[in-house]
Amino acid sequence: MTDTTTNDTAFRTQLHGMWSSVAPAWGEHADYADHRAPELTERLLRRAGITAGQHVLELACGPGGAGLAAAAIVGPTGEVVLSDVAPEMVAIAAARAEALGIENVRTLVLDLEAIDQPDETFDAVVCREGFMFAVDPARAARELRRVLRPGGRAALAVWGPREQNPWLGVVFDSVSAELGMPVPPPGVPGPFARSDAAELGTILEDAGFADVEIDEVEVGMRGVGFDEWWQRTRALAGPLATMLAAVPPETAAALEARVREAVRPYDTPAGLDLPGLSLLASGRR
């Protein structure tokens, strides 16, 4: 008989290790991650209802950009906890906060599917582009609600449908064609795992959230050259980054050529103009 619990634990450990392995690249490109979609981050924090003096949790924080922005809102009487399942990501977020002289933040290693914090601890919880990687999103949604105080709000940003995000969709298609395997691999939650707005809303409602709202937010990538975009994408794209690091040079060169051709329709005199779409979801405890 298969031990499902053991298998799930091993799978999660593998995924967590993958995020630890790509943390240095996220640290290198942290400013880009923050400046790529300022409107999305602003709306995320607004939908979470963050105000001065609040206690806020950022989950799957990566380099911590959304939480650092929240720290400016809550002010010296509030606090923001920057958390990620990868200790290396947490260390990067802590170093950025220190470098910026931001004193109303602290960092914790937390799993968004099993948040090691007491019930009703936070006034708001935010997660920018991390919730879609939860192995058990229903469990994660229940955890978000559990750590919220009554009346508190959670706000999540996830990537929308693959076909509306060619900045990454064409890469996945090219890798699948070149390597002869699906990307992401079966069973691995990828960036488009929560791209169905209706399904995402149901997950939050089933977890007990009230006043659930989901909006679409355009997040295009414009005015960047192919080489810069390709280097950054292959470095930051989680499971894809790990996969590409293992291929031989000739395969990597063939894949780059395939991707270059795939994004040609989006090439302009000012650089690549790649559409993108995020879903912004929120709910109240």
Protein backbone atom coordinates (compact mmCIF):
# COMPACT_ATOMS: atom_id res chain seq x y z
CA MET A 1 0.00 0.00 0.00
CA THR A 2 1.31 3.47 -0.90
CA ASP A 3 1.84 5.87 1.99
CA THR A 4 0.12 8.97 0.57
CA THR A 5 1.19 11.20 3.46
CA THR A 6 4.83 10.19 3.01
CA ASN A 7 4.63 10.78 -0.75
CA ASP A 8 3.04 14.22 -0.26
CA THR A 9 5.70 15.18 2.26
CA ALA A 10 8.50 14.09 -0.07
CA PHE A 11 6.92 15.99 -2.96
CA ARG A 12 6.59 19.18 -0.92
CA THR A 13 10.18 18.84 0.28
CA GLN A 14 11.31 18.56 -3.32
CA LEU A 15 9.34 21.65 -4.34
CA HIS A 16 10.62 23.65 -1.38
CA GLY A 17 14.18 22.70 -2.31
CA MET A 18 13.56 23.86 -5.86
CA TRP A 19 12.56 27.34 -4.63
CA SER A 20 15.63 27.45 -2.41
CA SER A 21 17.80 26.68 -5.43
CA VAL A 22 16.47 29.61 -7.48
CA ALA A 23 16.55 32.10 -4.59
CA PRO A 24 19.91 33.65 -5.66
CA ALA A 25 18.43 34.58 -9.04
CA TRP A 26 15.41 36.15 -7.34
CA GLY A 27 17.75 38.14 -5.16
CA GLU A 28 19.66 39.34 -8.21
CA HIS A 29 16.47 40.43 -9.97
CA ALA A 30 14.57 41.65 -6.88
CA ASP A 31 14.26 45.25 -8.07
CA TYR A 32 12.87 44.05 -11.40
CA ALA A 33 10.28 41.90 -9.60
CA ASP A 34 9.13 44.96 -7.68
CA HIS A 35 9.08 47.40 -10.59
CA ARG A 36 7.58 45.04 -13.19
CA ALA A 37 4.00 45.54 -12.03
CA PRO A 38 3.61 48.42 -9.57
CA GLU A 39 -0.11 48.79 -10.28
CA LEU A 40 -0.71 45.14 -9.40
CA THR A 41 1.10 45.51 -6.08
CA GLU A 42 -0.70 48.74 -5.26
CA ARG A 43 -4.08 47.17 -5.96
CA LEU A 44 -3.14 44.04 -4.02
CA LEU A 45 -2.37 46.04 -0.89
CA ARG A 46 -5.48 48.18 -1.32
CA ARG A 47 -7.70 45.11 -1.67
CA ALA A 48 -6.18 43.71 1.52
CA GLY A 49 -7.45 46.84 3.28
CA ILE A 50 -4.05 47.63 4.77
CA THR A 51 -3.94 50.74 6.95
CA ALA A 52 -1.64 52.32 9.52
CA GLY A 53 -0.96 50.29 12.66
CA GLN A 54 -1.94 46.92 11.25
CA HIS A 55 -0.18 43.57 11.62
CA VAL A 56 0.32 42.18 8.09
CA LEU A 57 1.64 38.86 6.78
CA GLU A 58 3.16 38.40 3.34
CA LEU A 59 3.28 34.75 2.25
CA ALA A 60 5.60 33.34 -0.45
CA CYS A 61 7.34 36.68 -0.25
CA GLY A 62 10.36 35.88 -2.43
CA PRO A 63 12.53 39.01 -2.16
CA GLY A 64 9.74 40.64 -0.13
CA GLY A 65 8.67 43.46 -2.43
CA ALA A 66 4.96 43.49 -1.63
CA GLY A 67 5.59 43.28 2.10
CA LEU A 68 8.14 46.06 2.02
CA ALA A 69 5.58 48.24 0.23
CA ALA A 70 3.02 47.32 2.91
CA ALA A 71 5.50 48.37 5.62
CA ALA A 72 5.33 51.95 4.37
CA ILE A 73 1.54 51.89 4.79
CA VAL A 74 1.33 50.36 8.27
CA GLY A 75 3.97 52.77 9.54
CA PRO A 76 5.93 52.63 12.80
CA THR A 77 2.93 51.50 14.84
CA GLY A 78 2.34 48.50 12.57
CA GLU A 79 4.37 45.47 11.57
CA VAL A 80 4.81 43.35 8.46
CA VAL A 81 6.00 39.74 8.58
CA LEU A 82 7.84 38.70 5.41
CA SER A 83 7.66 34.93 5.03
CA ASP A 84 8.54 32.25 2.54
CA VAL A 85 8.92 28.48 2.62
CA ALA A 86 12.51 28.84 1.38
CA PRO A 87 14.92 30.13 4.06
CA GLU A 88 17.13 31.56 1.32
CA MET A 89 14.27 33.75 0.08
CA VAL A 90 13.58 34.93 3.62
CA ALA A 91 17.24 35.87 4.06
CA ILE A 92 17.13 37.94 0.87
CA ALA A 93 13.97 39.76 2.02
CA ALA A 94 15.56 40.46 5.42
CA ALA A 95 18.71 41.83 3.81
CA ARG A 96 16.69 44.11 1.54
CA ALA A 97 14.68 45.47 4.47
CA GLU A 98 17.88 46.16 6.40
CA ALA A 99 19.53 47.84 3.42
CA LEU A 100 16.50 50.10 3.02
CA GLY A 101 16.43 50.94 6.72
CA ILE A 102 12.93 49.51 7.14
CA GLU A 103 12.53 48.65 10.81
CA ASN A 104 8.87 47.65 11.11
CA VAL A 105 9.33 44.23 9.46
CA ARG A 106 10.48 40.84 10.64
CA THR A 107 10.98 37.60 8.76
CA LEU A 108 9.85 34.02 9.27
CA VAL A 109 10.13 30.76 7.35
CA LEU A 110 6.49 29.76 6.82
CA ASP A 111 4.66 27.35 4.53
CA LEU A 112 1.44 28.88 3.18
CA GLU A 113 -0.19 25.45 3.41
CA ALA A 114 0.68 25.11 7.12
CA ILE A 115 1.22 28.58 8.57
CA ASP A 116 2.99 28.15 11.89
CA GLN A 117 1.24 31.08 13.56
CA PRO A 118 -1.64 31.26 16.06
CA ASP A 119 -5.24 31.73 15.00
CA GLU A 120 -6.42 35.31 14.44
CA THR A 121 -2.93 36.84 14.43
CA PHE A 122 -3.00 39.20 11.44
CA ASP A 123 -5.17 42.06 10.21
CA ALA A 124 -4.29 41.33 6.59
CA VAL A 125 -2.56 38.62 4.57
CA VAL A 126 -1.12 39.16 1.07
CA CYS A 127 0.46 36.77 -1.41
CA ARG A 128 1.81 38.04 -4.72
CA GLU A 129 2.26 35.28 -7.31
CA GLY A 130 2.75 32.44 -4.84
CA PHE A 131 -0.65 30.94 -4.10
CA MET A 132 -0.78 29.14 -7.46
CA PHE A 133 2.16 26.97 -6.39
CA ALA A 134 0.29 25.47 -3.43
CA VAL A 135 0.03 21.70 -3.73
CA ASP A 136 -3.28 21.80 -1.83
CA PRO A 137 -4.84 25.23 -2.53
CA ALA A 138 -7.96 24.48 -0.48
CA ARG A 139 -5.81 23.81 2.56
CA ALA A 140 -3.79 26.95 1.89
CA ALA A 141 -6.95 29.06 1.65
CA ARG A 142 -8.17 27.70 4.99
CA GLU A 143 -4.82 28.57 6.55
CA LEU A 144 -5.00 32.14 5.24
CA ARG A 145 -8.42 32.56 6.80
CA ARG A 146 -7.38 30.92 10.07
CA VAL A 147 -4.57 33.37 10.80
CA LEU A 148 -6.74 36.40 10.00
CA ARG A 149 -8.50 38.31 12.73
CA PRO A 150 -12.29 38.65 12.36
CA GLY A 151 -12.95 41.20 9.64
CA GLY A 152 -9.42 40.86 8.28
CA ARG A 153 -8.81 40.53 4.56
CA ALA A 154 -6.62 38.35 2.36
CA ALA A 155 -5.54 39.41 -1.12
CA LEU A 156 -3.87 37.16 -3.68
CA ALA A 157 -2.37 37.78 -7.11
CA VAL A 158 -1.97 34.79 -9.43
CA TRP A 159 -1.29 34.51 -13.14
CA GLY A 160 -4.31 34.33 -15.42
CA PRO A 161 -4.85 31.90 -18.31
CA ARG A 162 -1.78 30.64 -20.13
CA GLU A 163 -2.98 31.88 -23.52
CA GLN A 164 -3.19 35.42 -22.13
CA ASN A 165 0.35 35.26 -20.79
CA PRO A 166 2.55 34.57 -23.81
CA TRP A 167 5.56 36.00 -21.95
CA LEU A 168 5.75 32.58 -20.28
CA GLY A 169 3.30 30.44 -22.24
CA VAL A 170 5.43 30.51 -25.38
CA VAL A 171 8.43 29.48 -23.30
CA PHE A 172 6.59 26.47 -21.88
CA ASP A 173 5.41 25.51 -25.38
CA SER A 174 8.94 25.81 -26.77
CA VAL A 175 10.49 23.79 -23.96
CA SER A 176 7.85 21.08 -24.36
CA ALA A 177 8.53 20.89 -28.10
CA GLU A 178 12.31 20.89 -27.75
CA LEU A 179 12.61 18.45 -24.84
CA GLY A 180 9.59 16.31 -25.67
CA MET A 181 8.03 16.62 -22.22
CA PRO A 182 5.20 18.65 -20.72
CA VAL A 183 6.08 21.82 -18.80
CA PRO A 184 5.44 21.95 -15.94
CA PRO A 185 5.67 18.17 -15.34
CA PRO A 186 2.44 16.37 -14.41
CA GLY A 187 1.46 16.88 -10.79
CA VAL A 188 3.67 19.93 -10.29
CA PRO A 189 1.67 23.12 -9.63
CA GLY A 190 2.81 25.67 -12.18
CA PRO A 191 2.28 29.40 -12.63
CA PHE A 192 -1.07 28.89 -14.38
CA ALA A 193 -2.46 26.38 -11.87
CA ARG A 194 -4.98 28.87 -10.44
CA SER A 195 -5.76 30.71 -13.66
CA ASP A 196 -9.50 29.92 -13.68
CA ALA A 197 -11.20 32.85 -11.94
CA ALA A 198 -14.36 30.89 -11.10
CA GLU A 199 -12.37 28.02 -9.60
CA LEU A 200 -10.22 30.44 -7.60
CA GLY A 201 -13.32 32.15 -6.23
CA THR A 202 -14.80 28.80 -5.22
CA ILE A 203 -11.61 27.86 -3.36
CA LEU A 204 -11.80 31.04 -1.28
CA GLU A 205 -15.54 30.76 -0.65
CA ASP A 206 -15.27 27.10 0.36
CA ALA A 207 -12.56 28.12 2.84
CA GLY A 208 -15.10 30.43 4.49
CA PHE A 209 -14.15 33.80 3.00
CA ALA A 210 -16.91 36.37 2.52
CA ASP A 211 -17.14 39.19 -0.02
CA VAL A 212 -14.88 37.34 -2.46
CA GLU A 213 -13.87 39.49 -5.43
CA ILE A 214 -11.73 38.62 -8.44
CA ASP A 215 -10.50 41.13 -11.00
CA GLU A 216 -8.26 40.91 -14.04
CA VAL A 217 -5.17 43.13 -14.08
CA GLU A 218 -3.07 43.62 -17.21
CA VAL A 219 0.60 43.04 -16.47
CA GLY A 220 2.48 43.42 -19.74
CA MET A 221 6.22 43.15 -20.27
CA ARG A 222 7.28 45.86 -22.67
CA GLY A 223 10.38 47.53 -24.01
CA VAL A 224 12.86 44.79 -23.12
CA GLY A 225 15.29 43.12 -25.49
CA PHE A 226 15.13 39.39 -26.14
CA ASP A 227 18.43 38.54 -24.46
CA GLU A 228 17.54 40.35 -21.24
CA TRP A 229 14.04 38.88 -21.15
CA TRP A 230 15.22 35.34 -21.88
CA GLN A 231 17.98 35.43 -19.29
CA ARG A 232 15.60 36.72 -16.64
CA THR A 233 12.76 34.35 -17.50
CA ARG A 234 14.88 31.22 -17.44
CA ALA A 235 16.46 32.32 -14.15
CA LEU A 236 13.24 33.10 -12.27
CA ALA A 237 10.74 30.57 -13.58
CA GLY A 238 11.01 28.10 -10.70
CA PRO A 239 10.70 24.51 -11.99
CA LEU A 240 11.66 25.67 -15.48
CA ALA A 241 14.90 27.22 -14.20
CA THR A 242 15.86 23.96 -12.54
CA MET A 243 15.09 21.98 -15.68
CA LEU A 244 17.00 24.28 -18.03
CA ALA A 245 20.07 24.29 -15.78
CA ALA A 246 20.43 20.55 -16.43
CA VAL A 247 20.29 20.48 -20.25
CA PRO A 248 23.48 20.26 -22.38
CA PRO A 249 24.73 23.43 -24.14
CA GLU A 250 23.60 22.32 -27.59
CA THR A 251 20.06 21.72 -26.33
CA ALA A 252 20.05 25.07 -24.56
CA ALA A 253 21.11 26.80 -27.79
CA ALA A 254 18.42 25.03 -29.83
CA LEU A 255 15.80 25.94 -27.25
CA GLU A 256 16.86 29.60 -27.23
CA ALA A 257 16.52 29.70 -31.02
CA ARG A 258 13.06 28.15 -30.80
CA VAL A 259 11.96 30.67 -28.16
CA ARG A 260 13.40 33.57 -30.16
CA GLU A 261 11.26 32.54 -33.12
CA ALA A 262 8.17 32.05 -30.93
CA VAL A 263 8.29 35.63 -29.60
CA ARG A 264 9.01 37.20 -32.96
CA PRO A 265 5.34 38.31 -33.37
CA TYR A 266 5.78 40.40 -30.21
CA ASP A 267 8.99 42.10 -31.32
CA THR A 268 8.75 45.86 -31.93
CA PRO A 269 11.31 48.61 -32.64
CA ALA A 270 11.14 49.46 -28.92
CA GLY A 271 11.72 45.86 -27.81
CA LEU A 272 9.43 42.97 -26.93
CA ASP A 273 5.79 43.80 -26.20
CA LEU A 274 4.53 40.72 -24.37
CA PRO A 275 0.98 40.75 -22.97
CA GLY A 276 0.32 39.46 -19.47
CA LEU A 277 -2.72 39.04 -17.26
CA SER A 278 -2.99 38.50 -13.52
CA LEU A 279 -6.00 37.65 -11.40
CA LEU A 280 -6.41 39.66 -8.22
CA ALA A 281 -8.53 37.86 -5.64
CA SER A 282 -9.59 38.97 -2.19
CA GLY A 283 -11.90 37.94 0.59
CA ARG A 284 -12.85 38.86 4.15
CA ARG A 285 -12.89 36.66 7.20
